Amino acid sequence: MRNRGLTYLVFLMSFGVFAQNDEKKAIDGVLDAWHTAAANADFKGYFSLMTDDGVFLGTDATENWQNQEFKDFSKPYFDKGKAWSFTAVERNIYLDESKQLAWFDELLDTQMKLCRGSGVLKKVKGHWKIAHYVLSIAVPNENVSELINIKKQKDSLLLIELKEKYLREN
């Protein structure tokens, strides 16, 4: 009897691992399809893979795009027949216990060279959708000082503006 109980427990645990792997494969497919839709300038396909309240954070400090704003910003690029081309070269996917929420990080080969994407997906009517995406340019540690010098003036002005806005709103 004890052996059957142990066998059943191992079976249940194995089923959970397979189910999680299936979810991760589905998420991987959504992310790849999303990047492919951008590379193919498929506006409808691209945004169909995001939630209606999705957020995209770009590489510029001012790029905090809510879904409709991101659509408005992106449309001219898609209309020209070429949005952007990102290809994952590494990706890690994590799931919560309910398998309704996932988060990920990925390294990307892009026109900006190596970038990092990270974000959150959630299940909407049984389908994985991107709810939040963050794109950042990967900077080697030995080049950070040089980068700081490049952006120092613009960042200083933007910081003043952002701090004033924050104080007004809070």
Protein backbone atom coordinates (compact mmCIF):
# COMPACT_ATOMS: atom_id res chain seq x y z
CA MET A 1 0.00 0.00 0.00
CA ARG A 2 2.82 2.36 0.86
CA ASN A 3 4.46 1.73 -2.51
CA ARG A 4 1.22 2.63 -4.35
CA GLY A 5 0.98 5.87 -2.40
CA LEU A 6 4.57 6.74 -3.25
CA THR A 7 4.00 5.81 -6.91
CA TYR A 8 0.88 8.01 -7.00
CA LEU A 9 2.79 10.92 -5.43
CA VAL A 10 5.61 10.58 -7.98
CA PHE A 11 3.00 10.45 -10.77
CA LEU A 12 1.32 13.65 -9.52
CA MET A 13 4.64 15.43 -9.20
CA SER A 14 5.63 14.33 -12.72
CA PHE A 15 2.30 15.56 -14.08
CA GLY A 16 2.92 18.95 -12.46
CA VAL A 17 6.36 19.20 -14.06
CA PHE A 18 4.95 18.28 -17.49
CA ALA A 19 2.12 20.80 -17.09
CA GLN A 20 4.61 23.51 -16.13
CA ASN A 21 6.81 22.63 -19.11
CA ASP A 22 3.77 22.85 -21.41
CA GLU A 23 2.95 26.30 -20.01
CA LYS A 24 6.55 27.45 -20.47
CA LYS A 25 6.51 26.21 -24.08
CA ALA A 26 3.29 28.12 -24.68
CA ILE A 27 4.77 31.29 -23.17
CA ASP A 28 7.97 30.84 -25.20
CA GLY A 29 5.80 30.58 -28.32
CA VAL A 30 3.88 33.77 -27.46
CA LEU A 31 7.09 35.74 -26.92
CA ASP A 32 8.64 34.43 -30.15
CA ALA A 33 5.42 35.19 -32.08
CA TRP A 34 5.33 38.69 -30.58
CA HIS A 35 8.90 39.41 -31.71
CA THR A 36 8.20 37.89 -35.14
CA ALA A 37 5.07 40.03 -35.56
CA ALA A 38 7.17 43.17 -34.96
CA ALA A 39 9.85 42.02 -37.42
CA ASN A 40 7.11 41.37 -40.01
CA ALA A 41 5.35 44.67 -39.27
CA ASP A 42 2.19 42.77 -38.25
CA PHE A 43 0.55 45.45 -36.10
CA LYS A 44 -2.62 43.49 -35.38
CA GLY A 45 -0.72 40.30 -34.57
CA TYR A 46 1.73 42.14 -32.34
CA PHE A 47 -0.87 43.90 -30.23
CA SER A 48 -3.17 40.86 -30.10
CA LEU A 49 -0.49 39.21 -27.94
CA MET A 50 -0.65 42.00 -25.33
CA THR A 51 -3.33 42.57 -22.74
CA ASP A 52 -5.69 45.50 -23.30
CA ASP A 53 -4.02 47.26 -20.37
CA GLY A 54 -0.50 46.20 -21.38
CA VAL A 55 2.53 48.38 -20.67
CA PHE A 56 5.76 48.68 -22.67
CA LEU A 57 8.80 50.34 -21.11
CA GLY A 58 11.36 51.30 -23.74
CA THR A 59 15.04 52.09 -23.49
CA ASP A 60 14.52 55.85 -23.14
CA ALA A 61 13.64 57.06 -19.64
CA THR A 62 10.54 58.78 -21.03
CA GLU A 63 9.16 55.61 -22.64
CA ASN A 64 6.49 54.33 -20.28
CA TRP A 65 3.86 53.40 -22.82
CA GLN A 66 0.36 52.36 -21.79
CA ASN A 67 -1.24 50.14 -24.43
CA GLN A 68 -3.07 52.76 -26.54
CA GLU A 69 -0.15 55.19 -26.33
CA PHE A 70 2.20 52.42 -27.44
CA LYS A 71 -0.08 51.58 -30.36
CA ASP A 72 -0.15 55.24 -31.41
CA PHE A 73 3.63 55.53 -31.11
CA SER A 74 4.29 52.23 -32.93
CA LYS A 75 1.78 52.48 -35.78
CA PRO A 76 3.97 54.61 -38.10
CA TYR A 77 6.83 52.10 -37.77
CA PHE A 78 4.54 49.17 -38.57
CA ASP A 79 2.97 51.12 -41.46
CA LYS A 80 6.42 51.55 -43.03
CA GLY A 81 6.68 47.76 -43.24
CA LYS A 82 9.44 47.32 -40.64
CA ALA A 83 8.98 47.85 -36.94
CA TRP A 84 11.90 46.28 -35.05
CA SER A 85 13.60 42.93 -35.05
CA PHE A 86 14.37 41.17 -31.77
CA THR A 87 15.51 37.56 -31.57
CA ALA A 88 15.86 35.82 -28.22
CA VAL A 89 19.24 34.20 -27.62
CA GLU A 90 18.47 33.28 -24.01
CA ARG A 91 15.21 33.17 -22.07
CA ASN A 92 14.13 32.23 -18.55
CA ILE A 93 10.44 31.74 -17.74
CA TYR A 94 8.87 31.46 -14.28
CA LEU A 95 5.31 30.58 -13.26
CA ASP A 96 3.28 31.23 -10.13
CA GLU A 97 1.56 28.28 -8.46
CA SER A 98 -1.78 28.97 -10.15
CA LYS A 99 -0.15 28.93 -13.61
CA GLN A 100 -2.14 32.06 -14.45
CA LEU A 101 0.77 34.48 -14.06
CA ALA A 102 4.31 34.24 -15.45
CA TRP A 103 7.37 36.42 -15.58
CA PHE A 104 10.47 36.15 -17.72
CA ASP A 105 13.76 37.65 -18.73
CA GLU A 106 15.47 37.32 -22.08
CA LEU A 107 18.62 38.42 -23.86
CA LEU A 108 17.92 39.67 -27.35
CA ASP A 109 19.86 40.14 -30.57
CA THR A 110 18.56 43.47 -31.90
CA GLN A 111 19.48 46.35 -34.19
CA MET A 112 20.80 47.96 -30.96
CA LYS A 113 23.01 44.88 -30.45
CA LEU A 114 22.51 42.98 -27.18
CA CYS A 115 19.44 44.02 -25.20
CA ARG A 116 17.51 42.58 -22.28
CA GLY A 117 13.77 42.15 -22.20
CA SER A 118 11.78 41.23 -19.13
CA GLY A 119 8.14 41.18 -18.34
CA VAL A 120 4.96 39.64 -17.07
CA LEU A 121 2.36 37.54 -18.85
CA LYS A 122 -1.05 36.57 -17.60
CA LYS A 123 -3.69 34.20 -18.85
CA VAL A 124 -6.65 35.92 -20.44
CA LYS A 125 -9.51 33.63 -21.42
CA GLY A 126 -7.11 30.67 -21.47
CA HIS A 127 -4.42 32.38 -23.57
CA TRP A 128 -1.11 33.87 -22.45
CA LYS A 129 -0.86 37.64 -23.05
CA ILE A 130 1.97 40.06 -22.37
CA ALA A 131 0.87 42.47 -19.65
CA HIS A 132 4.15 44.27 -19.01
CA TYR A 133 7.39 44.42 -21.00
CA VAL A 134 10.66 46.18 -20.20
CA LEU A 135 13.37 46.64 -22.83
CA SER A 136 16.85 47.73 -21.80
CA ILE A 137 20.15 48.03 -23.60
CA ALA A 138 22.76 45.75 -22.08
CA VAL A 139 25.87 47.74 -21.22
CA PRO A 140 29.13 45.99 -20.29
CA ASN A 141 30.23 47.04 -16.81
CA GLU A 142 33.55 48.36 -18.13
CA ASN A 143 31.63 50.83 -20.37
CA VAL A 144 29.23 52.22 -17.75
CA SER A 145 31.37 55.29 -16.97
CA GLU A 146 31.52 56.19 -20.66
CA LEU A 147 27.75 55.76 -20.97
CA ILE A 148 27.13 57.95 -17.91
CA ASN A 149 29.17 60.71 -19.53
CA ILE A 150 27.19 60.41 -22.76
CA LYS A 151 23.83 60.78 -21.00
CA LYS A 152 24.81 63.01 -18.08
CA GLN A 153 23.49 66.32 -19.44
CA LYS A 154 20.16 65.02 -20.73
CA ASP A 155 19.58 62.89 -17.62
CA SER A 156 20.31 65.85 -15.32
CA LEU A 157 17.66 67.97 -17.03
CA LEU A 158 15.15 65.12 -17.09
CA LEU A 159 15.76 64.37 -13.40
CA ILE A 160 14.91 67.96 -12.46
CA GLU A 161 11.69 67.75 -14.47
CA LEU A 162 10.73 64.35 -13.04
CA LYS A 163 11.45 65.36 -9.43
CA GLU A 164 9.34 68.51 -9.81
CA LYS A 165 6.50 66.49 -11.31
CA TYR A 166 6.73 63.90 -8.54
CA LEU A 167 6.59 66.60 -5.84
CA ARG A 168 3.54 68.22 -7.49
CA GLU A 169 1.69 64.92 -7.69
CA ASN A 170 2.56 63.69 -4.19
